[in-house]
Amino acid sequence: MSLRLKGTNAYGHIGWFEVYCIICHTTLRLGSDIVFKCPKCEKKYKAYFCEADKRGVKGRCPYCNTELIPAV
């Protein structure tokens, strides 16, 4: 019997590479969409931003006023 990973536990499943914009809740795919993050609030609030909302908050995090950086 061989073990094969299927579904959401499989490496390469698109769910591993998706985050949500904290403001508009748009699904963002890391690597294909332009995603920005706050280096301070990323772990605490999962603060990821789409390109449109980054312009809306003028490149600053609405929680801590830190400059947003591109997520790689």
Protein backbone atom coordinates (compact mmCIF):
# COMPACT_ATOMS: atom_id res chain seq x y z
CA MET A 1 0.00 0.00 0.00
CA SER A 2 1.54 3.31 -1.02
CA LEU A 3 0.67 6.58 0.68
CA ARG A 4 -0.33 9.35 -1.66
CA LEU A 5 -1.21 12.84 -0.57
CA LYS A 6 -4.53 14.06 -1.87
CA GLY A 7 -6.66 17.10 -1.36
CA THR A 8 -5.74 19.96 0.91
CA ASN A 9 -2.85 18.14 2.55
CA ALA A 10 -1.03 17.60 -0.73
CA TYR A 11 1.97 19.80 -1.42
CA GLY A 12 1.24 22.16 -4.26
CA HIS A 13 -2.44 22.45 -3.43
CA ILE A 14 -3.47 26.01 -4.22
CA GLY A 15 -4.78 26.48 -0.65
CA TRP A 16 -1.22 26.51 0.66
CA PHE A 17 -0.44 29.62 -1.36
CA GLU A 18 -3.58 31.70 -0.79
CA VAL A 19 -4.06 34.60 1.60
CA TYR A 20 -6.91 37.05 1.99
CA CYS A 21 -6.82 40.83 1.85
CA ILE A 22 -7.60 42.04 5.35
CA ILE A 23 -9.71 44.96 4.10
CA CYS A 24 -11.74 43.64 1.14
CA HIS A 25 -11.28 39.89 1.76
CA THR A 26 -10.17 39.20 -1.82
CA THR A 27 -8.39 35.89 -2.36
CA LEU A 28 -4.74 36.59 -3.24
CA ARG A 29 -2.40 33.95 -4.60
CA LEU A 30 1.20 34.33 -3.53
CA GLY A 31 3.46 34.26 -6.56
CA SER A 32 0.87 35.28 -9.13
CA ASP A 33 -0.89 38.30 -7.57
CA ILE A 34 0.75 41.42 -6.16
CA VAL A 35 0.49 41.06 -2.38
CA PHE A 36 1.67 43.46 0.31
CA LYS A 37 2.09 42.76 4.02
CA CYS A 38 2.82 44.60 7.24
CA PRO A 39 6.00 43.21 8.80
CA LYS A 40 4.73 43.88 12.35
CA CYS A 41 1.08 42.79 12.04
CA GLU A 42 1.53 39.85 9.67
CA LYS A 43 1.55 37.19 12.38
CA LYS A 44 -0.87 38.89 14.79
CA TYR A 45 -3.63 39.95 12.37
CA LYS A 46 -2.60 38.16 9.13
CA ALA A 47 -2.29 41.64 7.64
CA TYR A 48 -2.05 41.09 3.88
CA PHE A 49 -3.22 43.75 1.44
CA CYS A 50 -4.14 43.77 -2.24
CA GLU A 51 -2.67 46.40 -4.54
CA ALA A 52 -5.85 48.52 -4.56
CA ASP A 53 -6.16 48.63 -0.77
CA LYS A 54 -2.46 49.41 -0.42
CA ARG A 55 -3.11 52.57 -2.43
CA GLY A 56 -6.21 53.24 -0.32
CA VAL A 57 -4.25 53.26 2.94
CA LYS A 58 -1.41 55.20 1.27
CA GLY A 59 1.16 52.42 1.75
CA ARG A 60 0.82 52.34 5.54
CA CYS A 61 -0.66 49.68 7.81
CA PRO A 62 -3.96 50.91 9.32
CA TYR A 63 -3.16 49.11 12.60
CA CYS A 64 0.39 50.25 13.41
CA ASN A 65 1.23 52.87 10.71
CA THR A 66 4.20 50.86 9.46
CA GLU A 67 5.20 50.94 5.78
CA LEU A 68 3.81 47.98 3.81
CA ILE A 69 6.29 45.73 2.02
CA PRO A 70 5.76 43.29 -0.88
CA ALA A 71 5.15 39.68 0.18
CA VAL A 72 7.37 37.26 -1.67
